Amino acid sequence: MDHEHARAPATWGTAAQATLHCLTGCAIGEVLGMVIGTALGLSNIATVVLAVALAFVFGYALTMRGVLRAGLDFRSALKVALAADTISIAVMEILDNAVMLTVPGAMDAGLTSRLFWAALAGALLVAFVLTTPVNKWLISKGKGHAVVHQYHQGH
């Protein structure tokens, strides 16, 4: 396949859309991991590891859902998800967890604390803003979300 013809334009809108897609899966996993880790009283590091693992699982799952629907087999869909999302999720996870770990008391605040939820929301916002340029660059190189773009044509 000629990737030049399948390439999504590297506009800020396309990059923001790709980042929002990535953020959705990351946020589901991140919030779930933070909630589970905090509720179980896990250490900050164990909670972050759980949140990151779940962010990757949910991020890949959302991408796979779309490409499986487009007709790819499971193995091919997994390869597309890995190629499309790995860098974006990794950058997003580094950023949002760095924010959570640097906001004083956020990780120890507990699930009923406004500080916990405000820090988590702020962390995801920072991750979105700073990952969007990364996704724009990846798309311009035919990488990242550009890999999955061809499977969204007509869907």
N, C-alpha and C. Protein backbone atom coordinates (compact mmCIF):
# COMPACT_ATOMS: atom_id res chain seq x y z
N MET A 1 0.83 -1.17 0.00
CA MET A 1 0.00 0.00 0.00
C MET A 1 0.88 1.23 0.00
N ASP A 2 0.50 2.24 -0.75
CA ASP A 2 1.24 3.49 -0.81
C ASP A 2 0.83 4.36 0.37
N HIS A 3 1.71 4.47 1.36
CA HIS A 3 1.38 5.19 2.58
C HIS A 3 1.21 6.69 2.34
N GLU A 4 1.79 7.23 1.30
CA GLU A 4 1.62 8.64 1.01
C GLU A 4 0.15 8.96 0.73
N HIS A 5 -0.54 8.07 0.03
CA HIS A 5 -1.94 8.32 -0.29
C HIS A 5 -2.86 8.08 0.90
N ALA A 6 -2.46 7.23 1.82
CA ALA A 6 -3.30 6.92 2.98
C ALA A 6 -3.04 7.87 4.14
N ARG A 7 -2.01 8.69 4.03
CA ARG A 7 -1.58 9.54 5.15
C ARG A 7 -2.60 10.63 5.46
N ALA A 8 -2.94 10.73 6.73
CA ALA A 8 -3.81 11.81 7.20
C ALA A 8 -3.01 13.10 7.17
N PRO A 9 -3.68 14.22 6.88
CA PRO A 9 -2.93 15.48 6.91
C PRO A 9 -2.46 15.79 8.33
N ALA A 10 -1.27 16.32 8.42
CA ALA A 10 -0.69 16.63 9.74
C ALA A 10 -1.11 18.03 10.18
N THR A 11 -2.40 18.21 10.37
CA THR A 11 -2.91 19.48 10.85
C THR A 11 -3.03 19.44 12.37
N TRP A 12 -3.17 20.62 12.97
CA TRP A 12 -3.37 20.66 14.42
C TRP A 12 -4.68 19.99 14.80
N GLY A 13 -5.70 20.12 13.95
CA GLY A 13 -6.97 19.46 14.22
C GLY A 13 -6.86 17.95 14.22
N THR A 14 -6.14 17.43 13.22
CA THR A 14 -5.92 15.98 13.15
C THR A 14 -5.11 15.51 14.36
N ALA A 15 -4.09 16.28 14.72
CA ALA A 15 -3.25 15.92 15.87
C ALA A 15 -4.07 15.96 17.16
N ALA A 16 -4.91 16.98 17.31
CA ALA A 16 -5.75 17.07 18.51
C ALA A 16 -6.74 15.91 18.57
N GLN A 17 -7.31 15.55 17.43
CA GLN A 17 -8.24 14.42 17.37
C GLN A 17 -7.53 13.12 17.75
N ALA A 18 -6.33 12.90 17.22
CA ALA A 18 -5.56 11.71 17.55
C ALA A 18 -5.21 11.69 19.04
N THR A 19 -4.85 12.85 19.58
CA THR A 19 -4.49 12.95 20.99
C THR A 19 -5.71 12.71 21.87
N LEU A 20 -6.85 13.24 21.46
CA LEU A 20 -8.08 13.02 22.22
C LEU A 20 -8.46 11.55 22.22
N HIS A 21 -8.28 10.88 21.09
CA HIS A 21 -8.54 9.45 21.02
C HIS A 21 -7.63 8.70 22.00
N CYS A 22 -6.36 9.05 21.96
CA CYS A 22 -5.38 8.42 22.86
C CYS A 22 -5.71 8.74 24.31
N LEU A 23 -6.07 10.00 24.56
CA LEU A 23 -6.38 10.43 25.92
C LEU A 23 -7.58 9.66 26.49
N THR A 24 -8.53 9.33 25.65
CA THR A 24 -9.71 8.59 26.12
C THR A 24 -9.30 7.26 26.73
N GLY A 25 -8.53 6.48 25.99
CA GLY A 25 -8.07 5.20 26.52
C GLY A 25 -7.15 5.36 27.71
N CYS A 26 -6.25 6.35 27.60
CA CYS A 26 -5.32 6.60 28.72
C CYS A 26 -6.08 7.02 29.97
N ALA A 27 -7.05 7.89 29.79
CA ALA A 27 -7.80 8.39 30.95
C ALA A 27 -8.59 7.28 31.63
N ILE A 28 -9.19 6.40 30.84
CA ILE A 28 -9.93 5.29 31.43
C ILE A 28 -8.98 4.45 32.29
N GLY A 29 -7.85 4.06 31.71
CA GLY A 29 -6.88 3.25 32.44
C GLY A 29 -6.24 4.00 33.58
N GLU A 30 -5.90 5.25 33.35
CA GLU A 30 -5.24 6.07 34.38
C GLU A 30 -6.15 6.27 35.58
N VAL A 31 -7.39 6.67 35.32
CA VAL A 31 -8.33 6.90 36.42
C VAL A 31 -8.60 5.59 37.16
N LEU A 32 -8.84 4.52 36.41
CA LEU A 32 -9.09 3.23 37.03
C LEU A 32 -7.90 2.79 37.88
N GLY A 33 -6.69 2.93 37.35
CA GLY A 33 -5.49 2.56 38.09
C GLY A 33 -5.30 3.40 39.35
N MET A 34 -5.51 4.71 39.22
CA MET A 34 -5.37 5.60 40.38
C MET A 34 -6.42 5.27 41.45
N VAL A 35 -7.65 5.02 41.00
CA VAL A 35 -8.73 4.70 41.94
C VAL A 35 -8.43 3.37 42.65
N ILE A 36 -8.08 2.34 41.87
CA ILE A 36 -7.80 1.03 42.47
C ILE A 36 -6.60 1.12 43.41
N GLY A 37 -5.51 1.74 42.95
CA GLY A 37 -4.31 1.85 43.77
C GLY A 37 -4.55 2.64 45.05
N THR A 38 -5.29 3.74 44.93
CA THR A 38 -5.58 4.56 46.10
C THR A 38 -6.51 3.82 47.05
N ALA A 39 -7.54 3.19 46.51
CA ALA A 39 -8.51 2.46 47.35
C ALA A 39 -7.85 1.29 48.08
N LEU A 40 -6.89 0.64 47.44
CA LEU A 40 -6.21 -0.49 48.07
C LEU A 40 -5.05 -0.07 48.96
N GLY A 41 -4.76 1.24 48.96
CA GLY A 41 -3.67 1.73 49.79
C GLY A 41 -2.29 1.33 49.26
N LEU A 42 -2.20 1.13 47.94
CA LEU A 42 -0.91 0.78 47.35
C LEU A 42 0.05 1.97 47.46
N SER A 43 1.33 1.69 47.39
CA SER A 43 2.31 2.77 47.39
C SER A 43 2.12 3.63 46.13
N ASN A 44 2.67 4.83 46.15
CA ASN A 44 2.55 5.71 44.99
C ASN A 44 3.14 5.06 43.74
N ILE A 45 4.28 4.43 43.89
CA ILE A 45 4.92 3.78 42.74
C ILE A 45 4.06 2.63 42.21
N ALA A 46 3.54 1.79 43.09
CA ALA A 46 2.68 0.68 42.66
C ALA A 46 1.41 1.21 41.99
N THR A 47 0.86 2.29 42.51
CA THR A 47 -0.34 2.89 41.91
C THR A 47 -0.03 3.43 40.52
N VAL A 48 1.09 4.08 40.36
CA VAL A 48 1.49 4.61 39.05
C VAL A 48 1.72 3.47 38.06
N VAL A 49 2.39 2.42 38.50
CA VAL A 49 2.64 1.26 37.61
C VAL A 49 1.30 0.66 37.15
N LEU A 50 0.37 0.49 38.08
CA LEU A 50 -0.94 -0.03 37.73
C LEU A 50 -1.67 0.90 36.75
N ALA A 51 -1.64 2.20 37.04
CA ALA A 51 -2.31 3.17 36.17
C ALA A 51 -1.71 3.18 34.77
N VAL A 52 -0.40 3.11 34.67
CA VAL A 52 0.27 3.10 33.36
C VAL A 52 -0.08 1.83 32.60
N ALA A 53 -0.02 0.70 33.27
CA ALA A 53 -0.36 -0.57 32.61
C ALA A 53 -1.79 -0.54 32.08
N LEU A 54 -2.72 -0.07 32.90
CA LEU A 54 -4.12 -0.01 32.46
C LEU A 54 -4.32 1.03 31.36
N ALA A 55 -3.57 2.11 31.39
CA ALA A 55 -3.67 3.12 30.32
C ALA A 55 -3.27 2.51 28.98
N PHE A 56 -2.19 1.74 28.97
CA PHE A 56 -1.78 1.08 27.73
C PHE A 56 -2.83 0.06 27.28
N VAL A 57 -3.35 -0.74 28.21
CA VAL A 57 -4.36 -1.75 27.87
C VAL A 57 -5.59 -1.09 27.25
N PHE A 58 -6.12 -0.07 27.91
CA PHE A 58 -7.33 0.57 27.40
C PHE A 58 -7.05 1.38 26.13
N GLY A 59 -5.89 2.02 26.06
CA GLY A 59 -5.54 2.76 24.84
C GLY A 59 -5.46 1.85 23.63
N TYR A 60 -4.75 0.74 23.78
CA TYR A 60 -4.66 -0.23 22.68
C TYR A 60 -6.03 -0.83 22.37
N ALA A 61 -6.80 -1.12 23.39
CA ALA A 61 -8.11 -1.75 23.18
C ALA A 61 -9.04 -0.86 22.36
N LEU A 62 -9.02 0.44 22.64
CA LEU A 62 -9.89 1.34 21.87
C LEU A 62 -9.49 1.39 20.41
N THR A 63 -8.20 1.41 20.15
CA THR A 63 -7.74 1.41 18.76
C THR A 63 -8.07 0.08 18.09
N MET A 64 -7.83 -1.00 18.79
CA MET A 64 -8.11 -2.32 18.23
C MET A 64 -9.59 -2.49 17.91
N ARG A 65 -10.45 -1.96 18.77
CA ARG A 65 -11.89 -2.06 18.52
C ARG A 65 -12.25 -1.50 17.15
N GLY A 66 -11.68 -0.33 16.84
CA GLY A 66 -11.98 0.29 15.55
C GLY A 66 -11.43 -0.48 14.37
N VAL A 67 -10.19 -0.94 14.46
CA VAL A 67 -9.61 -1.64 13.32
C VAL A 67 -10.15 -3.06 13.18
N LEU A 68 -10.54 -3.67 14.28
CA LEU A 68 -11.22 -4.98 14.17
C LEU A 68 -12.56 -4.81 13.45
N ARG A 69 -13.24 -3.73 13.77
CA ARG A 69 -14.51 -3.43 13.11
C ARG A 69 -14.32 -3.18 11.61
N ALA A 70 -13.12 -2.67 11.25
CA ALA A 70 -12.81 -2.42 9.85
C ALA A 70 -12.42 -3.69 9.10
N GLY A 71 -12.33 -4.84 9.83
CA GLY A 71 -12.10 -6.11 9.17
C GLY A 71 -10.75 -6.75 9.41
N LEU A 72 -9.88 -6.16 10.19
CA LEU A 72 -8.58 -6.79 10.46
C LEU A 72 -8.74 -7.94 11.44
N ASP A 73 -7.86 -8.92 11.32
CA ASP A 73 -7.82 -10.00 12.30
C ASP A 73 -7.15 -9.48 13.56
N PHE A 74 -7.25 -10.23 14.65
CA PHE A 74 -6.77 -9.79 15.96
C PHE A 74 -5.29 -9.45 15.94
N ARG A 75 -4.47 -10.32 15.37
CA ARG A 75 -3.02 -10.10 15.35
C ARG A 75 -2.66 -8.83 14.57
N SER A 76 -3.28 -8.64 13.43
CA SER A 76 -3.03 -7.44 12.63
C SER A 76 -3.51 -6.19 13.36
N ALA A 77 -4.67 -6.30 14.00
CA ALA A 77 -5.21 -5.16 14.75
C ALA A 77 -4.28 -4.78 15.90
N LEU A 78 -3.70 -5.78 16.56
CA LEU A 78 -2.76 -5.51 17.65
C LEU A 78 -1.52 -4.80 17.11
N LYS A 79 -1.01 -5.25 15.98
CA LYS A 79 0.15 -4.60 15.37
C LYS A 79 -0.14 -3.14 15.02
N VAL A 80 -1.33 -2.89 14.49
CA VAL A 80 -1.72 -1.51 14.16
C VAL A 80 -1.81 -0.67 15.42
N ALA A 81 -2.42 -1.22 16.46
CA ALA A 81 -2.56 -0.49 17.73
C ALA A 81 -1.19 -0.17 18.33
N LEU A 82 -0.29 -1.14 18.32
CA LEU A 82 1.05 -0.91 18.85
C LEU A 82 1.76 0.20 18.07
N ALA A 83 1.67 0.14 16.75
CA ALA A 83 2.32 1.15 15.91
C ALA A 83 1.66 2.52 16.07
N ALA A 84 0.35 2.53 16.20
CA ALA A 84 -0.39 3.80 16.25
C ALA A 84 -0.28 4.51 17.58
N ASP A 85 -0.25 3.76 18.67
CA ASP A 85 -0.45 4.37 19.98
C ASP A 85 0.73 4.35 20.95
N THR A 86 1.72 3.53 20.73
CA THR A 86 2.75 3.34 21.75
C THR A 86 3.45 4.64 22.13
N ILE A 87 3.93 5.40 21.17
CA ILE A 87 4.65 6.63 21.50
C ILE A 87 3.73 7.63 22.17
N SER A 88 2.53 7.80 21.62
CA SER A 88 1.58 8.76 22.18
C SER A 88 1.21 8.40 23.62
N ILE A 89 0.91 7.14 23.87
CA ILE A 89 0.54 6.72 25.23
C ILE A 89 1.74 6.90 26.16
N ALA A 90 2.92 6.52 25.71
CA ALA A 90 4.10 6.64 26.56
C ALA A 90 4.35 8.10 26.97
N VAL A 91 4.28 9.01 26.01
CA VAL A 91 4.47 10.43 26.31
C VAL A 91 3.39 10.91 27.27
N MET A 92 2.16 10.55 26.97
CA MET A 92 1.04 10.97 27.81
C MET A 92 1.20 10.45 29.24
N GLU A 93 1.60 9.22 29.39
CA GLU A 93 1.76 8.62 30.71
C GLU A 93 2.91 9.25 31.49
N ILE A 94 3.99 9.51 30.83
CA ILE A 94 5.11 10.19 31.50
C ILE A 94 4.64 11.55 32.02
N LEU A 95 3.94 12.29 31.19
CA LEU A 95 3.50 13.62 31.57
C LEU A 95 2.47 13.61 32.68
N ASP A 96 1.41 12.82 32.52
CA ASP A 96 0.35 12.91 33.53
C ASP A 96 0.78 12.33 34.87
N ASN A 97 1.61 11.30 34.85
CA ASN A 97 2.10 10.76 36.13
C ASN A 97 3.12 11.69 36.77
N ALA A 98 3.91 12.38 35.97
CA ALA A 98 4.85 13.36 36.53
C ALA A 98 4.07 14.46 37.25
N VAL A 99 2.97 14.91 36.65
CA VAL A 99 2.15 15.93 37.30
C VAL A 99 1.57 15.39 38.60
N MET A 100 0.99 14.19 38.55
CA MET A 100 0.40 13.61 39.76
C MET A 100 1.43 13.47 40.88
N LEU A 101 2.64 13.07 40.52
CA LEU A 101 3.67 12.87 41.53
C LEU A 101 4.26 14.17 42.06
N THR A 102 4.14 15.26 41.29
CA THR A 102 4.73 16.52 41.73
C THR A 102 3.73 17.45 42.43
N VAL A 103 2.44 17.19 42.29
CA VAL A 103 1.47 18.00 43.02
C VAL A 103 1.50 17.53 44.48
N PRO A 104 1.91 18.41 45.38
CA PRO A 104 2.04 18.00 46.79
C PRO A 104 0.75 17.40 47.36
N GLY A 105 0.87 16.18 47.85
CA GLY A 105 -0.24 15.51 48.51
C GLY A 105 -1.28 14.88 47.61
N ALA A 106 -1.16 15.05 46.28
CA ALA A 106 -2.19 14.55 45.37
C ALA A 106 -2.34 13.03 45.43
N MET A 107 -1.24 12.33 45.44
CA MET A 107 -1.30 10.86 45.43
C MET A 107 -1.80 10.30 46.76
N ASP A 108 -1.62 11.04 47.81
CA ASP A 108 -2.03 10.57 49.14
C ASP A 108 -3.35 11.18 49.60
N ALA A 109 -3.98 11.98 48.75
CA ALA A 109 -5.17 12.72 49.16
C ALA A 109 -6.40 11.85 49.35
N GLY A 110 -6.50 10.76 48.63
CA GLY A 110 -7.67 9.89 48.76
C GLY A 110 -8.74 10.21 47.74
N LEU A 111 -9.59 9.24 47.51
CA LEU A 111 -10.60 9.33 46.45
C LEU A 111 -11.68 10.37 46.72
N THR A 112 -11.89 10.74 47.95
CA THR A 112 -12.93 11.72 48.25
C THR A 112 -12.39 13.15 48.29
N SER A 113 -11.12 13.30 47.98
CA SER A 113 -10.48 14.61 48.05
C SER A 113 -10.58 15.36 46.73
N ARG A 114 -10.91 16.63 46.82
CA ARG A 114 -10.90 17.48 45.62
C ARG A 114 -9.50 17.60 45.05
N LEU A 115 -8.50 17.60 45.92
CA LEU A 115 -7.11 17.70 45.48
C LEU A 115 -6.77 16.54 44.54
N PHE A 116 -7.13 15.33 44.92
CA PHE A 116 -6.85 14.15 44.10
C PHE A 116 -7.46 14.31 42.70
N TRP A 117 -8.75 14.64 42.65
CA TRP A 117 -9.45 14.73 41.37
C TRP A 117 -9.01 15.93 40.55
N ALA A 118 -8.75 17.05 41.21
CA ALA A 118 -8.27 18.24 40.49
C ALA A 118 -6.88 17.98 39.91
N ALA A 119 -6.01 17.35 40.69
CA ALA A 119 -4.67 17.03 40.20
C ALA A 119 -4.74 16.05 39.03
N LEU A 120 -5.60 15.05 39.13
CA LEU A 120 -5.74 14.07 38.05
C LEU A 120 -6.29 14.72 36.79
N ALA A 121 -7.30 15.57 36.93
CA ALA A 121 -7.85 16.28 35.77
C ALA A 121 -6.79 17.20 35.16
N GLY A 122 -6.07 17.92 36.01
CA GLY A 122 -5.00 18.79 35.52
C GLY A 122 -3.89 18.01 34.84
N ALA A 123 -3.56 16.86 35.39
CA ALA A 123 -2.52 16.01 34.82
C ALA A 123 -2.92 15.54 33.42
N LEU A 124 -4.16 15.15 33.25
CA LEU A 124 -4.63 14.70 31.94
C LEU A 124 -4.68 15.87 30.95
N LEU A 125 -5.03 17.06 31.42
CA LEU A 125 -5.03 18.24 30.56
C LEU A 125 -3.61 18.58 30.09
N VAL A 126 -2.66 18.56 31.02
CA VAL A 126 -1.26 18.81 30.66
C VAL A 126 -0.80 17.77 29.64
N ALA A 127 -1.14 16.52 29.87
CA ALA A 127 -0.74 15.45 28.95
C ALA A 127 -1.33 15.68 27.56
N PHE A 128 -2.59 16.11 27.49
CA PHE A 128 -3.22 16.38 26.20
C PHE A 128 -2.50 17.52 25.47
N VAL A 129 -2.29 18.61 26.17
CA VAL A 129 -1.67 19.80 25.55
C VAL A 129 -0.26 19.50 25.05
N LEU A 130 0.52 18.79 25.84
CA LEU A 130 1.90 18.54 25.46
C LEU A 130 2.10 17.34 24.53
N THR A 131 1.12 16.46 24.45
CA THR A 131 1.23 15.32 23.55
C THR A 131 0.71 15.66 22.15
N THR A 132 -0.15 16.65 22.04
CA THR A 132 -0.67 17.04 20.72
C THR A 132 0.44 17.38 19.73
N PRO A 133 1.45 18.19 20.09
CA PRO A 133 2.52 18.44 19.12
C PRO A 133 3.31 17.18 18.75
N VAL A 134 3.45 16.28 19.69
CA VAL A 134 4.13 15.01 19.41
C VAL A 134 3.34 14.24 18.35
N ASN A 135 2.01 14.17 18.53
CA ASN A 135 1.18 13.47 17.55
C ASN A 135 1.18 14.17 16.20
N LYS A 136 1.23 15.48 16.19
CA LYS A 136 1.29 16.21 14.91
C LYS A 136 2.57 15.83 14.17
N TRP A 137 3.68 15.78 14.88
CA TRP A 137 4.94 15.41 14.27
C TRP A 137 4.89 13.96 13.76
N LEU A 138 4.36 13.04 14.59
CA LEU A 138 4.26 11.64 14.18
C LEU A 138 3.41 11.49 12.93
N ILE A 139 2.27 12.17 12.89
CA ILE A 139 1.38 12.09 11.73
C ILE A 139 2.09 12.62 10.49
N SER A 140 2.84 13.71 10.64
CA SER A 140 3.55 14.28 9.49
C SER A 140 4.59 13.32 8.93
N LYS A 141 5.05 12.38 9.76
CA LYS A 141 6.03 11.38 9.32
C LYS A 141 5.36 10.05 8.90
N GLY A 142 4.02 10.03 8.90
CA GLY A 142 3.31 8.81 8.53
C GLY A 142 3.29 7.78 9.64
N LYS A 143 3.55 8.22 10.86
CA LYS A 143 3.61 7.33 12.02
C LYS A 143 2.44 7.63 12.96
N GLY A 144 2.42 6.95 14.10
CA GLY A 144 1.38 7.22 15.10
C GLY A 144 -0.01 7.01 14.55
N HIS A 145 -0.87 7.97 14.77
CA HIS A 145 -2.27 7.85 14.35
C HIS A 145 -2.41 7.71 12.84
N ALA A 146 -1.42 8.17 12.08
CA ALA A 146 -1.48 8.03 10.62
C ALA A 146 -1.56 6.56 10.22
N VAL A 147 -1.00 5.68 11.02
CA VAL A 147 -1.01 4.24 10.74
C VAL A 147 -2.44 3.70 10.76
N VAL A 148 -3.26 4.24 11.64
CA VAL A 148 -4.62 3.74 11.81
C VAL A 148 -5.61 4.48 10.91
N HIS A 149 -5.23 5.62 10.38
CA HIS A 149 -6.13 6.47 9.60
C HIS A 149 -6.78 5.73 8.44
N GLN A 150 -6.00 4.91 7.75
CA GLN A 150 -6.53 4.19 6.60
C GLN A 150 -7.70 3.27 6.94
N TYR A 151 -7.77 2.82 8.19
CA TYR A 151 -8.83 1.91 8.60
C TYR A 151 -10.10 2.65 9.02
N HIS A 152 -9.99 3.97 9.16
CA HIS A 152 -11.16 4.78 9.54
C HIS A 152 -11.84 5.36 8.32
N GLN A 153 -11.26 5.19 7.14
CA GLN A 153 -11.86 5.72 5.92
C GLN A 153 -13.23 5.06 5.71
N GLY A 154 -14.26 5.89 5.60
CA GLY A 154 -15.59 5.38 5.34
C GLY A 154 -16.29 4.81 6.55
N HIS A 155 -15.72 4.98 7.76
CA HIS A 155 -16.35 4.45 8.97
C HIS A 155 -16.78 5.58 9.84
